[in-house]
Amino acid sequence: MRAADDILSAACSFKHPTHCNGYWQMFKRFLTDESGATAIEYGLIAGLIFLAIVTAVHYYIENTEAMYQRIGDAVVGATTHGE
């Protein structure tokens, strides 16, 4: 952080030094702000939960389709052998 401070102060000395102080303070506040980290973490957790739900529903649908296919085949087989 000290190196960034030195670089920015050197850059500000060439232009309007009074304007650079406000920008530098805003930049420091941006670098130390962690308020968005919680929102990102909640977003990642929600994304993982959504992925788990989609995977479970996909697995459920595949198994349900296979079950109804077996039932349908058994019904068709029972009706054709009975004739």
N, C-alpha and C. Protein backbone atom coordinates (compact mmCIF):
# COMPACT_ATOMS: atom_id res chain seq x y z
N MET A 1 0.83 -1.18 0.00
CA MET A 1 0.00 0.00 0.00
C MET A 1 0.88 1.25 0.00
N ARG A 2 2.03 1.17 0.63
CA ARG A 2 2.93 2.32 0.69
C ARG A 2 3.48 2.66 -0.68
N ALA A 3 3.77 1.63 -1.51
CA ALA A 3 4.29 1.88 -2.85
C ALA A 3 3.23 2.59 -3.71
N ALA A 4 1.99 2.17 -3.58
CA ALA A 4 0.90 2.82 -4.32
C ALA A 4 0.76 4.27 -3.88
N ASP A 5 0.95 4.52 -2.59
CA ASP A 5 0.87 5.88 -2.07
C ASP A 5 1.97 6.74 -2.68
N ASP A 6 3.18 6.21 -2.77
CA ASP A 6 4.30 6.96 -3.35
C ASP A 6 4.07 7.25 -4.83
N ILE A 7 3.57 6.24 -5.56
CA ILE A 7 3.34 6.42 -7.00
C ILE A 7 2.27 7.47 -7.24
N LEU A 8 1.18 7.39 -6.49
CA LEU A 8 0.10 8.35 -6.71
C LEU A 8 0.52 9.76 -6.29
N SER A 9 1.29 9.88 -5.21
CA SER A 9 1.71 11.23 -4.82
C SER A 9 2.68 11.82 -5.84
N ALA A 10 3.51 10.98 -6.44
CA ALA A 10 4.42 11.48 -7.48
C ALA A 10 3.63 11.92 -8.70
N ALA A 11 2.61 11.16 -9.07
CA ALA A 11 1.79 11.52 -10.23
C ALA A 11 0.99 12.79 -9.96
N CYS A 12 0.54 12.96 -8.73
CA CYS A 12 -0.27 14.13 -8.40
C CYS A 12 0.56 15.40 -8.31
N SER A 13 1.84 15.28 -8.09
CA SER A 13 2.66 16.47 -7.95
C SER A 13 2.81 17.21 -9.27
N PHE A 14 2.61 16.51 -10.38
CA PHE A 14 2.73 17.16 -11.69
C PHE A 14 1.47 17.94 -12.06
N LYS A 15 0.33 17.50 -11.60
CA LYS A 15 -0.92 18.19 -11.92
C LYS A 15 -1.44 18.86 -10.66
N HIS A 16 -2.64 19.20 -10.61
CA HIS A 16 -3.25 19.94 -9.51
C HIS A 16 -3.20 19.15 -8.20
N PRO A 17 -2.24 19.47 -7.33
CA PRO A 17 -2.11 18.70 -6.10
C PRO A 17 -3.31 18.83 -5.18
N THR A 18 -4.05 19.92 -5.26
CA THR A 18 -5.21 20.07 -4.37
C THR A 18 -6.32 19.13 -4.77
N HIS A 19 -6.46 18.82 -6.05
CA HIS A 19 -7.50 17.91 -6.52
C HIS A 19 -7.14 16.45 -6.24
N CYS A 20 -5.86 16.14 -6.24
CA CYS A 20 -5.42 14.76 -6.06
C CYS A 20 -5.70 14.23 -4.65
N ASN A 21 -5.70 15.08 -3.66
CA ASN A 21 -5.91 14.63 -2.29
C ASN A 21 -7.28 13.97 -2.14
N GLY A 22 -8.31 14.59 -2.70
CA GLY A 22 -9.65 14.02 -2.63
C GLY A 22 -9.75 12.71 -3.38
N TYR A 23 -9.11 12.64 -4.54
CA TYR A 23 -9.13 11.40 -5.32
C TYR A 23 -8.38 10.29 -4.60
N TRP A 24 -7.26 10.64 -4.01
CA TRP A 24 -6.46 9.64 -3.30
C TRP A 24 -7.22 9.09 -2.09
N GLN A 25 -7.91 9.97 -1.38
CA GLN A 25 -8.70 9.51 -0.23
C GLN A 25 -9.82 8.58 -0.70
N MET A 26 -10.44 8.92 -1.83
CA MET A 26 -11.50 8.07 -2.37
C MET A 26 -10.92 6.72 -2.82
N PHE A 27 -9.74 6.72 -3.42
CA PHE A 27 -9.08 5.50 -3.86
C PHE A 27 -8.71 4.62 -2.67
N LYS A 28 -8.19 5.23 -1.60
CA LYS A 28 -7.87 4.48 -0.38
C LYS A 28 -9.12 3.85 0.21
N ARG A 29 -10.22 4.61 0.25
CA ARG A 29 -11.48 4.10 0.78
C ARG A 29 -11.98 2.93 -0.06
N PHE A 30 -11.80 3.01 -1.39
CA PHE A 30 -12.21 1.93 -2.29
C PHE A 30 -11.40 0.67 -2.02
N LEU A 31 -10.09 0.82 -1.82
CA LEU A 31 -9.23 -0.34 -1.59
C LEU A 31 -9.51 -1.03 -0.26
N THR A 32 -9.92 -0.28 0.73
CA THR A 32 -10.14 -0.88 2.05
C THR A 32 -11.60 -1.26 2.29
N ASP A 33 -12.49 -0.93 1.36
CA ASP A 33 -13.92 -1.23 1.53
C ASP A 33 -14.17 -2.72 1.33
N GLU A 34 -14.82 -3.34 2.29
CA GLU A 34 -15.14 -4.76 2.21
C GLU A 34 -16.65 -5.00 2.26
N SER A 35 -17.44 -3.98 2.06
CA SER A 35 -18.89 -4.15 2.18
C SER A 35 -19.46 -5.01 1.06
N GLY A 36 -18.88 -4.99 -0.12
CA GLY A 36 -19.37 -5.80 -1.23
C GLY A 36 -18.99 -7.26 -1.12
N ALA A 37 -18.01 -7.58 -0.30
CA ALA A 37 -17.56 -8.97 -0.18
C ALA A 37 -18.66 -9.86 0.35
N THR A 38 -19.45 -9.39 1.29
CA THR A 38 -20.54 -10.20 1.83
C THR A 38 -21.59 -10.48 0.77
N ALA A 39 -21.92 -9.49 -0.04
CA ALA A 39 -22.90 -9.68 -1.10
C ALA A 39 -22.40 -10.69 -2.12
N ILE A 40 -21.13 -10.63 -2.44
CA ILE A 40 -20.55 -11.58 -3.39
C ILE A 40 -20.58 -12.98 -2.81
N GLU A 41 -20.26 -13.13 -1.54
CA GLU A 41 -20.30 -14.44 -0.91
C GLU A 41 -21.71 -15.02 -0.91
N TYR A 42 -22.71 -14.18 -0.58
CA TYR A 42 -24.09 -14.65 -0.61
C TYR A 42 -24.50 -15.03 -2.03
N GLY A 43 -24.04 -14.28 -3.00
CA GLY A 43 -24.34 -14.60 -4.40
C GLY A 43 -23.74 -15.94 -4.81
N LEU A 44 -22.51 -16.19 -4.39
CA LEU A 44 -21.87 -17.48 -4.70
C LEU A 44 -22.60 -18.63 -4.02
N ILE A 45 -23.00 -18.45 -2.77
CA ILE A 45 -23.73 -19.50 -2.05
C ILE A 45 -25.07 -19.75 -2.75
N ALA A 46 -25.78 -18.70 -3.13
CA ALA A 46 -27.06 -18.86 -3.82
C ALA A 46 -26.86 -19.58 -5.16
N GLY A 47 -25.78 -19.26 -5.86
CA GLY A 47 -25.48 -19.92 -7.12
C GLY A 47 -25.22 -21.41 -6.94
N LEU A 48 -24.48 -21.75 -5.91
CA LEU A 48 -24.20 -23.17 -5.64
C LEU A 48 -25.47 -23.92 -5.23
N ILE A 49 -26.32 -23.28 -4.44
CA ILE A 49 -27.59 -23.92 -4.07
C ILE A 49 -28.45 -24.12 -5.31
N PHE A 50 -28.51 -23.12 -6.19
CA PHE A 50 -29.27 -23.24 -7.43
C PHE A 50 -28.73 -24.38 -8.28
N LEU A 51 -27.42 -24.50 -8.39
CA LEU A 51 -26.81 -25.58 -9.17
C LEU A 51 -27.16 -26.94 -8.58
N ALA A 52 -27.16 -27.06 -7.26
CA ALA A 52 -27.52 -28.32 -6.62
C ALA A 52 -28.99 -28.67 -6.88
N ILE A 53 -29.86 -27.67 -6.84
CA ILE A 53 -31.28 -27.91 -7.10
C ILE A 53 -31.50 -28.34 -8.54
N VAL A 54 -30.86 -27.67 -9.48
CA VAL A 54 -31.01 -28.03 -10.89
C VAL A 54 -30.50 -29.45 -11.14
N THR A 55 -29.37 -29.81 -10.52
CA THR A 55 -28.83 -31.16 -10.68
C THR A 55 -29.79 -32.20 -10.09
N ALA A 56 -30.34 -31.93 -8.93
CA ALA A 56 -31.27 -32.87 -8.30
C ALA A 56 -32.54 -33.02 -9.12
N VAL A 57 -33.07 -31.93 -9.66
CA VAL A 57 -34.29 -32.00 -10.47
C VAL A 57 -34.02 -32.77 -11.76
N HIS A 58 -32.87 -32.52 -12.37
CA HIS A 58 -32.50 -33.24 -13.59
C HIS A 58 -32.40 -34.74 -13.32
N TYR A 59 -31.76 -35.12 -12.23
CA TYR A 59 -31.63 -36.53 -11.84
C TYR A 59 -33.01 -37.13 -11.58
N TYR A 60 -33.87 -36.40 -10.90
CA TYR A 60 -35.22 -36.87 -10.59
C TYR A 60 -36.03 -37.09 -11.88
N ILE A 61 -35.94 -36.15 -12.82
CA ILE A 61 -36.68 -36.26 -14.08
C ILE A 61 -36.21 -37.46 -14.88
N GLU A 62 -34.89 -37.67 -14.95
CA GLU A 62 -34.36 -38.83 -15.69
C GLU A 62 -34.88 -40.13 -15.08
N ASN A 63 -34.84 -40.24 -13.76
CA ASN A 63 -35.31 -41.46 -13.10
C ASN A 63 -36.82 -41.65 -13.26
N THR A 64 -37.57 -40.57 -13.21
CA THR A 64 -39.02 -40.66 -13.37
C THR A 64 -39.37 -41.08 -14.80
N GLU A 65 -38.70 -40.53 -15.78
CA GLU A 65 -38.94 -40.93 -17.17
C GLU A 65 -38.62 -42.41 -17.37
N ALA A 66 -37.51 -42.86 -16.81
CA ALA A 66 -37.14 -44.27 -16.94
C ALA A 66 -38.18 -45.16 -16.26
N MET A 67 -38.68 -44.75 -15.11
CA MET A 67 -39.69 -45.54 -14.40
C MET A 67 -40.97 -45.64 -15.22
N TYR A 68 -41.46 -44.54 -15.77
CA TYR A 68 -42.68 -44.57 -16.58
C TYR A 68 -42.47 -45.35 -17.87
N GLN A 69 -41.27 -45.31 -18.41
CA GLN A 69 -40.98 -46.10 -19.61
C GLN A 69 -41.06 -47.60 -19.29
N ARG A 70 -40.49 -48.01 -18.14
CA ARG A 70 -40.58 -49.42 -17.73
C ARG A 70 -42.03 -49.82 -17.48
N ILE A 71 -42.80 -48.95 -16.83
CA ILE A 71 -44.21 -49.25 -16.58
C ILE A 71 -44.96 -49.36 -17.90
N GLY A 72 -44.74 -48.44 -18.81
CA GLY A 72 -45.40 -48.48 -20.12
C GLY A 72 -45.04 -49.74 -20.89
N ASP A 73 -43.76 -50.10 -20.88
CA ASP A 73 -43.33 -51.32 -21.56
C ASP A 73 -43.98 -52.55 -20.94
N ALA A 74 -44.10 -52.57 -19.61
CA ALA A 74 -44.73 -53.71 -18.94
C ALA A 74 -46.20 -53.80 -19.28
N VAL A 75 -46.89 -52.66 -19.35
CA VAL A 75 -48.32 -52.66 -19.68
C VAL A 75 -48.51 -53.13 -21.13
N VAL A 76 -47.69 -52.61 -22.04
CA VAL A 76 -47.79 -53.02 -23.44
C VAL A 76 -47.47 -54.51 -23.57
N GLY A 77 -46.43 -54.96 -22.87
CA GLY A 77 -46.08 -56.39 -22.92
C GLY A 77 -47.18 -57.28 -22.36
N ALA A 78 -47.84 -56.82 -21.30
CA ALA A 78 -48.90 -57.62 -20.69
C ALA A 78 -50.13 -57.68 -21.58
N THR A 79 -50.43 -56.61 -22.28
CA THR A 79 -51.62 -56.60 -23.14
C THR A 79 -51.39 -57.36 -24.43
N THR A 80 -50.19 -57.36 -24.96
CA THR A 80 -49.94 -58.08 -26.22
C THR A 80 -49.78 -59.57 -25.99
N HIS A 81 -49.26 -60.00 -24.85
CA HIS A 81 -49.10 -61.42 -24.57
C HIS A 81 -50.43 -62.05 -24.17
N GLY A 82 -51.36 -61.26 -23.69
CA GLY A 82 -52.64 -61.77 -23.25
C GLY A 82 -53.59 -62.06 -24.40
N GLU A 83 -53.30 -61.58 -25.61
CA GLU A 83 -54.23 -61.76 -26.73
C GLU A 83 -54.04 -63.06 -27.43
